[in-house]
C-alpha atoms as a PDB file:
ATOM      1  CA  MET A   1      16.357 -31.846  48.619  1.00  0.00           C
ATOM      2  CA  LYS A   2      14.356 -34.854  46.402  1.00  0.00           C
ATOM      3  CA  LEU A   3      12.968 -33.442  43.856  1.00  0.00           C
ATOM      4  CA  ASN A   4       9.502 -34.475  42.694  1.00  0.00           C
ATOM      5  CA  PRO A   5       7.330 -34.287  40.139  1.00  0.00           C
ATOM      6  CA  LYS A   6       5.652 -31.016  40.598  1.00  0.00           C
ATOM      7  CA  MET A   7       9.251 -29.302  41.494  1.00  0.00           C
ATOM      8  CA  LEU A   8      10.699 -30.503  38.176  1.00  0.00           C
ATOM      9  CA  MET A   9       6.906 -29.589  36.227  1.00  0.00           C
ATOM     10  CA  GLY A  10       7.953 -26.178  37.501  1.00  0.00           C
ATOM     11  CA  ILE A  11      11.579 -25.494  36.787  1.00  0.00           C
ATOM     12  CA  PHE A  12      10.566 -26.561  33.398  1.00  0.00           C
ATOM     13  CA  ILE A  13       7.787 -23.888  33.033  1.00  0.00           C
ATOM     14  CA  VAL A  14       9.941 -21.631  35.041  1.00  0.00           C
ATOM     15  CA  ALA A  15      13.490 -22.584  31.919  1.00  0.00           C
ATOM     16  CA  VAL A  16      11.120 -22.616  29.244  1.00  0.00           C
ATOM     17  CA  MET A  17       9.738 -18.896  29.929  1.00  0.00           C
ATOM     18  CA  VAL A  18      13.292 -17.761  30.681  1.00  0.00           C
ATOM     19  CA  LEU A  19      14.509 -19.585  27.365  1.00  0.00           C
ATOM     20  CA  SER A  20      11.350 -17.832  25.463  1.00  0.00           C
ATOM     21  CA  ILE A  21      12.301 -14.210  26.933  1.00  0.00           C
ATOM     22  CA  PHE A  22      16.345 -14.811  26.208  1.00  0.00           C
ATOM     23  CA  GLY A  23      15.383 -15.860  21.882  1.00  0.00           C
ATOM     24  CA  PHE A  24      12.947 -12.728  21.696  1.00  0.00           C
ATOM     25  CA  VAL A  25      15.153 -10.173  22.858  1.00  0.00           C
ATOM     26  CA  LEU A  26      18.377 -11.943  20.668  1.00  0.00           C
ATOM     27  CA  ASN A  27      16.077 -12.514  17.599  1.00  0.00           C
ATOM     28  CA  TYR A  28      14.946  -8.570  18.457  1.00  0.00           C
ATOM     29  CA  LYS A  29      18.529  -7.763  18.454  1.00  0.00           C
ATOM     30  CA  LEU A  30      19.742  -9.557  15.623  1.00  0.00           C
ATOM     31  CA  GLY A  31      17.070  -8.123  13.336  1.00  0.00           C
ATOM     32  CA  GLY A  32      14.810 -11.304  12.914  1.00  0.00           C
ATOM     33  CA  SER A  33      14.785 -12.155   8.511  1.00  0.00           C
ATOM     34  CA  ASN A  34      12.110 -10.289   7.173  1.00  0.00           C
ATOM     35  CA  SER A  35      13.926  -9.288   4.094  1.00  0.00           C
ATOM     36  CA  PHE A  36      11.612 -10.414   1.527  1.00  0.00           C
ATOM     37  CA  ASP A  37      12.636 -10.418  -2.607  1.00  0.00           C
ATOM     38  CA  TYR A  38      10.025  -9.263  -5.606  1.00  0.00           C
ATOM     39  CA  ASN A  39      10.809  -9.004  -8.768  1.00  0.00           C
ATOM     40  CA  GLY A  40      14.835  -8.013  -7.896  1.00  0.00           C
ATOM     41  CA  PHE A  41      13.929  -5.678  -5.111  1.00  0.00           C
ATOM     42  CA  GLU A  42      14.193  -6.073  -1.579  1.00  0.00           C
ATOM     43  CA  PHE A  43      10.660  -5.532   0.966  1.00  0.00           C
ATOM     44  CA  ARG A  44      11.605  -5.504   4.393  1.00  0.00           C
ATOM     45  CA  GLN A  45       8.390  -6.404   7.178  1.00  0.00           C
ATOM     46  CA  THR A  46       7.991  -4.174  10.185  1.00  0.00           C
ATOM     47  CA  GLN A  47       4.962  -4.116  12.212  1.00  0.00           C
ATOM     48  CA  ASP A  48       3.594  -0.620  10.013  1.00  0.00           C
ATOM     49  CA  GLY A  49       4.289  -3.354   6.805  1.00  0.00           C
ATOM     50  CA  TRP A  50       6.388  -3.426   4.318  1.00  0.00           C
ATOM     51  CA  ILE A  51       8.931  -1.283   2.884  1.00  0.00           C
ATOM     52  CA  VAL A  52      11.288  -1.154   0.083  1.00  0.00           C
ATOM     53  CA  GLU A  53      14.155   0.907  -1.399  1.00  0.00           C
ATOM     54  CA  LEU A  54      13.161   2.700  -4.968  1.00  0.00           C
ATOM     55  CA  ASP A  55      15.903   4.939  -6.601  1.00  0.00           C
ATOM     56  CA  GLY A  56      17.980   5.819  -2.945  1.00  0.00           C
ATOM     57  CA  GLU A  57      14.238   6.695  -1.094  1.00  0.00           C
ATOM     58  CA  GLU A  58      12.650   4.111   1.603  1.00  0.00           C
ATOM     59  CA  HIS A  59       9.432   3.771   0.414  1.00  0.00           C
ATOM     60  CA  ALA A  60       6.168   2.149   2.998  1.00  0.00           C
ATOM     61  CA  PHE A  61       3.378   0.313   1.607  1.00  0.00           C
ATOM     62  CA  PHE A  62       0.755  -1.421   3.522  1.00  0.00           C
ATOM     63  CA  TYR A  63       0.928  -4.635   1.273  1.00  0.00           C
ATOM     64  CA  HIS A  64       3.371  -7.026  -0.294  1.00  0.00           C
ATOM     65  CA  PRO A  65       3.404  -7.042  -4.137  1.00  0.00           C
ATOM     66  CA  THR A  66       2.598 -10.692  -3.684  1.00  0.00           C
ATOM     67  CA  GLU A  67      -1.197  -9.567  -1.544  1.00  0.00           C
ATOM     68  CA  VAL A  68      -1.545  -7.619  -4.706  1.00  0.00           C
ATOM     69  CA  ALA A  69      -0.645  -9.471  -7.580  1.00  0.00           C
ATOM     70  CA  SER A  70      -3.815 -10.992  -8.366  1.00  0.00           C
ATOM     71  CA  LEU A  71      -6.500  -8.025  -8.430  1.00  0.00           C
ATOM     72  CA  PRO A  72      -6.264  -7.521 -11.755  1.00  0.00           C
ATOM     73  CA  LEU A  73      -5.237  -4.639 -14.477  1.00  0.00           C
ATOM     74  CA  THR A  74      -5.453  -4.462 -18.289  1.00  0.00           C
ATOM     75  CA  ASN A  75      -1.799  -4.230 -20.173  1.00  0.00           C
ATOM     76  CA  GLU A  76      -3.196  -1.330 -21.387  1.00  0.00           C
ATOM     77  CA  THR A  77      -3.676   0.270 -18.161  1.00  0.00           C
ATOM     78  CA  ILE A  78      -0.520  -0.752 -17.118  1.00  0.00           C
ATOM     79  CA  ASN A  79       0.738   0.661 -19.870  1.00  0.00           C
ATOM     80  CA  LEU A  80      -0.563   4.151 -19.663  1.00  0.00           C
ATOM     81  CA  LEU A  81       0.281   5.104 -16.077  1.00  0.00           C
ATOM     82  CA  THR A  82       4.077   4.243 -16.454  1.00  0.00           C
ATOM     83  CA  ALA A  83       3.804   6.278 -19.594  1.00  0.00           C
ATOM     84  CA  ALA A  84       2.390   9.132 -18.535  1.00  0.00           C
ATOM     85  CA  LYS A  85       4.731  11.407 -16.793  1.00  0.00           C
ATOM     86  CA  ASN A  86       1.838  13.416 -15.015  1.00  0.00           C
ATOM     87  CA  ILE A  87      -0.811  11.904 -13.062  1.00  0.00           C
ATOM     88  CA  VAL A  88      -3.828  13.605 -11.566  1.00  0.00           C
ATOM     89  CA  ILE A  89      -5.426  11.794  -7.388  1.00  0.00           C
ATOM     90  CA  SER A  90      -8.606  12.705  -6.784  1.00  0.00           C
ATOM     91  CA  TYR A  91     -11.115  11.387  -4.732  1.00  0.00           C
ATOM     92  CA  ASN A  92     -15.665  12.124  -4.150  1.00  0.00           C
ATOM     93  CA  ASP A  93     -15.238  14.505  -1.751  1.00  0.00           C
ATOM     94  CA  GLU A  94     -19.298  13.522  -1.282  1.00  0.00           C
ATOM     95  CA  VAL A  95     -18.933  10.315   0.466  1.00  0.00           C
ATOM     96  CA  GLU A  96     -19.487  10.366   4.462  1.00  0.00           C
ATOM     97  CA  GLU A  97     -15.363   9.625   5.361  1.00  0.00           C
ATOM     98  CA  PRO A  98     -13.884  11.808   2.519  1.00  0.00           C
ATOM     99  CA  GLU A  99     -10.743  12.564   5.094  1.00  0.00           C
ATOM    100  CA  LEU A 100     -10.379   8.656   4.770  1.00  0.00           C
ATOM    101  CA  LEU A 101      -9.926   9.302   0.931  1.00  0.00           C
ATOM    102  CA  GLY A 102      -7.969  12.692   1.556  1.00  0.00           C
ATOM    103  CA  HIS A 103      -5.431  10.062   2.964  1.00  0.00           C
ATOM    104  CA  LEU A 104      -5.402   7.767   0.476  1.00  0.00           C
ATOM    105  CA  GLN A 105      -4.438  10.554  -1.467  1.00  0.00           C
ATOM    106  CA  TYR A 106      -1.839  11.738  -0.029  1.00  0.00           C
ATOM    107  CA  TYR A 107      -0.144   8.640   0.747  1.00  0.00           C
ATOM    108  CA  MET A 108      -0.262   7.979  -2.487  1.00  0.00           C
ATOM    109  CA  GLU A 109       1.010  11.262  -3.398  1.00  0.00           C
ATOM    110  CA  LEU A 110       3.949  10.528  -1.213  1.00  0.00           C
ATOM    111  CA  HIS A 111       5.009   7.581  -3.181  1.00  0.00           C
ATOM    112  CA  ILE A 112       4.330   8.611  -7.158  1.00  0.00           C
ATOM    113  CA  SER A 113       5.511  11.940  -7.034  1.00  0.00           C
ATOM    114  CA  THR A 114       8.941  10.471  -6.500  1.00  0.00           C
ATOM    115  CA  GLN A 115       8.666   9.327 -10.501  1.00  0.00           C
ATOM    116  CA  LYS A 116       5.705  11.122 -11.669  1.00  0.00           C
ATOM    117  CA  ILE A 117       4.684  14.608 -11.406  1.00  0.00           C
ATOM    118  CA  VAL A 118       1.547  14.359  -9.021  1.00  0.00           C
ATOM    119  CA  THR A 119      -1.824  16.921  -9.559  1.00  0.00           C
ATOM    120  CA  ARG A 120      -4.156  16.891  -5.789  1.00  0.00           C
ATOM    121  CA  ALA A 121      -8.299  16.767  -6.532  1.00  0.00           C
ATOM    122  CA  THR A 122     -11.566  16.593  -5.610  1.00  0.00           C
ATOM    123  CA  THR A 123     -14.742  15.255  -7.639  1.00  0.00           C
ATOM    124  CA  THR A 124     -16.073  18.186  -6.948  1.00  0.00           C
ATOM    125  CA  GLY A 125     -13.428  21.179  -5.884  1.00  0.00           C
ATOM    126  CA  GLU A 126     -14.288  22.439  -2.289  1.00  0.00           C
ATOM    127  CA  ASN A 127     -12.292  22.628   0.277  1.00  0.00           C
ATOM    128  CA  ALA A 128      -9.714  24.638  -2.307  1.00  0.00           C
ATOM    129  CA  VAL A 129      -8.972  21.432  -4.433  1.00  0.00           C
ATOM    130  CA  ILE A 130      -9.156  21.675  -7.823  1.00  0.00           C
ATOM    131  CA  ALA A 131     -12.521  19.859  -9.242  1.00  0.00           C
ATOM    132  CA  MET A 132     -11.203  17.349 -11.992  1.00  0.00           C
ATOM    133  CA  THR A 133     -12.899  14.405 -12.970  1.00  0.00           C
ATOM    134  CA  CYS A 134     -13.285  11.237 -16.088  1.00  0.00           C
ATOM    135  CA  GLU A 135     -13.997  14.406 -18.867  1.00  0.00           C
ATOM    136  CA  ASN A 136     -10.730  15.521 -17.578  1.00  0.00           C
ATOM    137  CA  ALA A 137      -8.552  12.857 -17.813  1.00  0.00           C
ATOM    138  CA  THR A 138      -6.104  12.484 -21.024  1.00  0.00           C
ATOM    139  CA  ARG A 139      -3.773   9.690 -22.072  1.00  0.00           C
ATOM    140  CA  THR A 140      -0.714  12.302 -20.896  1.00  0.00           C
ATOM    141  CA  SER A 141      -2.081  13.443 -17.604  1.00  0.00           C
ATOM    142  CA  PRO A 142      -4.519  10.049 -16.920  1.00  0.00           C
ATOM    143  CA  ILE A 143      -6.443  10.806 -13.366  1.00  0.00           C
ATOM    144  CA  ILE A 144      -7.296   7.705 -10.704  1.00  0.00           C
ATOM    145  CA  ILE A 145     -10.532   8.981  -8.957  1.00  0.00           C
ATOM    146  CA  LEU A 146     -10.718   7.454  -5.208  1.00  0.00           C
ATOM    147  CA  ASP A 147     -14.579   6.363  -4.278  1.00  0.00           C
ATOM    148  CA  ILE A 148     -16.236   4.375  -1.249  1.00  0.00           C
ATOM    149  CA  THR A 149     -18.848   2.120  -2.882  1.00  0.00           C
ATOM    150  CA  ASN A 150     -20.603  -1.698  -2.132  1.00  0.00           C
ATOM    151  CA  THR A 151     -17.790  -2.572  -4.419  1.00  0.00           C
ATOM    152  CA  THR A 152     -14.289  -3.752  -4.754  1.00  0.00           C
ATOM    153  CA  SER A 153     -12.646  -2.588  -7.700  1.00  0.00           C
ATOM    154  CA  ILE A 154     -10.456  -1.036 -10.605  1.00  0.00           C
ATOM    155  CA  GLU A 155     -13.166   0.147 -12.894  1.00  0.00           C
ATOM    156  CA  GLU A 156     -11.011   1.619 -17.061  1.00  0.00           C
ATOM    157  CA  ASP A 157     -12.531   4.092 -18.539  1.00  0.00           C
ATOM    158  CA  GLY A 158      -9.904   4.765 -20.663  1.00  0.00           C
ATOM    159  CA  PRO A 159      -7.241   7.692 -18.893  1.00  0.00           C
ATOM    160  CA  CYS A 160      -9.619   7.826 -15.913  1.00  0.00           C
ATOM    161  CA  LEU A 161      -9.638   4.993 -12.886  1.00  0.00           C
ATOM    162  CA  THR A 162     -11.729   4.812 -10.638  1.00  0.00           C
ATOM    163  CA  VAL A 163     -10.955   3.112  -7.886  1.00  0.00           C
ATOM    164  CA  GLN A 164     -13.880   1.853  -5.373  1.00  0.00           C
ATOM    165  CA  GLY A 165     -13.646   0.235  -2.210  1.00  0.00           C
ATOM    166  CA  SER A 166     -16.060  -1.215   0.830  1.00  0.00           C
ATOM    167  CA  SER A 167     -13.167   0.004   3.817  1.00  0.00           C
ATOM    168  CA  GLY A 168     -10.648   1.517   4.343  1.00  0.00           C
ATOM    169  CA  ALA A 169      -7.910  -1.222   4.082  1.00  0.00           C
ATOM    170  CA  ALA A 170      -9.406  -2.452   0.184  1.00  0.00           C
ATOM    171  CA  LEU A 171      -8.846   0.368  -0.668  1.00  0.00           C
ATOM    172  CA  ALA A 172      -5.241   0.630   0.349  1.00  0.00           C
ATOM    173  CA  GLN A 173      -4.838  -2.406  -1.236  1.00  0.00           C
ATOM    174  CA  GLN A 174      -6.200  -1.318  -4.820  1.00  0.00           C
ATOM    175  CA  ALA A 175      -4.060   1.522  -4.019  1.00  0.00           C
ATOM    176  CA  ASP A 176      -0.673  -0.594  -3.346  1.00  0.00           C
ATOM    177  CA  ARG A 177      -1.793  -2.693  -6.471  1.00  0.00           C
ATOM    178  CA  LEU A 178      -1.576   0.844  -8.382  1.00  0.00           C
ATOM    179  CA  GLN A 179       1.502   2.481  -6.744  1.00  0.00           C
ATOM    180  CA  TYR A 180       3.712  -0.945  -7.807  1.00  0.00           C
ATOM    181  CA  VAL A 181       3.240  -0.868 -11.313  1.00  0.00           C
ATOM    182  CA  ILE A 182       3.340   2.741 -11.460  1.00  0.00           C
ATOM    183  CA  LEU A 183       6.566   3.170  -9.110  1.00  0.00           C
ATOM    184  CA  GLY A 184       7.454  -0.428 -11.675  1.00  0.00           C
ATOM    185  CA  VAL A 185       7.756  -2.481  -9.433  1.00  0.00           C
ATOM    186  CA  MET A 186       5.039  -4.454 -10.814  1.00  0.00           C
ATOM    187  CA  ASN A 187       4.865  -5.040 -14.507  1.00  0.00           C
ATOM    188  CA  GLU A 188       1.878  -6.676 -14.826  1.00  0.00           C
END
């Protein structure tokens, strides 16, 4: 049987496809190399985000620390968050999508509660949750207020931090930045 150029090209394409599938399956079975070290912590990338083990427990984050390290925080705020024993996480429940902020509040509580006492609140106290605003913030019990706005930033007012984001992704970045500081993964 004589192999013509068209037949050779067909065999080549089939071989590439078969080998690609084999390589994908082999990489999946072996786990691939998706671990990255940051500040002495080993992060594993998954399809859902980043996993790191802290004090024997796995924590999942949306962003790797290098992706949020450029978000500005003052040394005063970093010291405040790391020294506090209790942290209040509140959110503006008068926005169009308060559920988004409620989910983010819960997400932060899951991580922070392994090292700090966390109090849940809203800015109005509706829905059977206590009301906490910047007026209630102290150095021993700072308040983080989550809000949906047109800008993305972390506004610092003494022991009160207002985390503002124009989208869920922007708020998640800000939240991960604060959580990494609180949990000791980032110290700057």
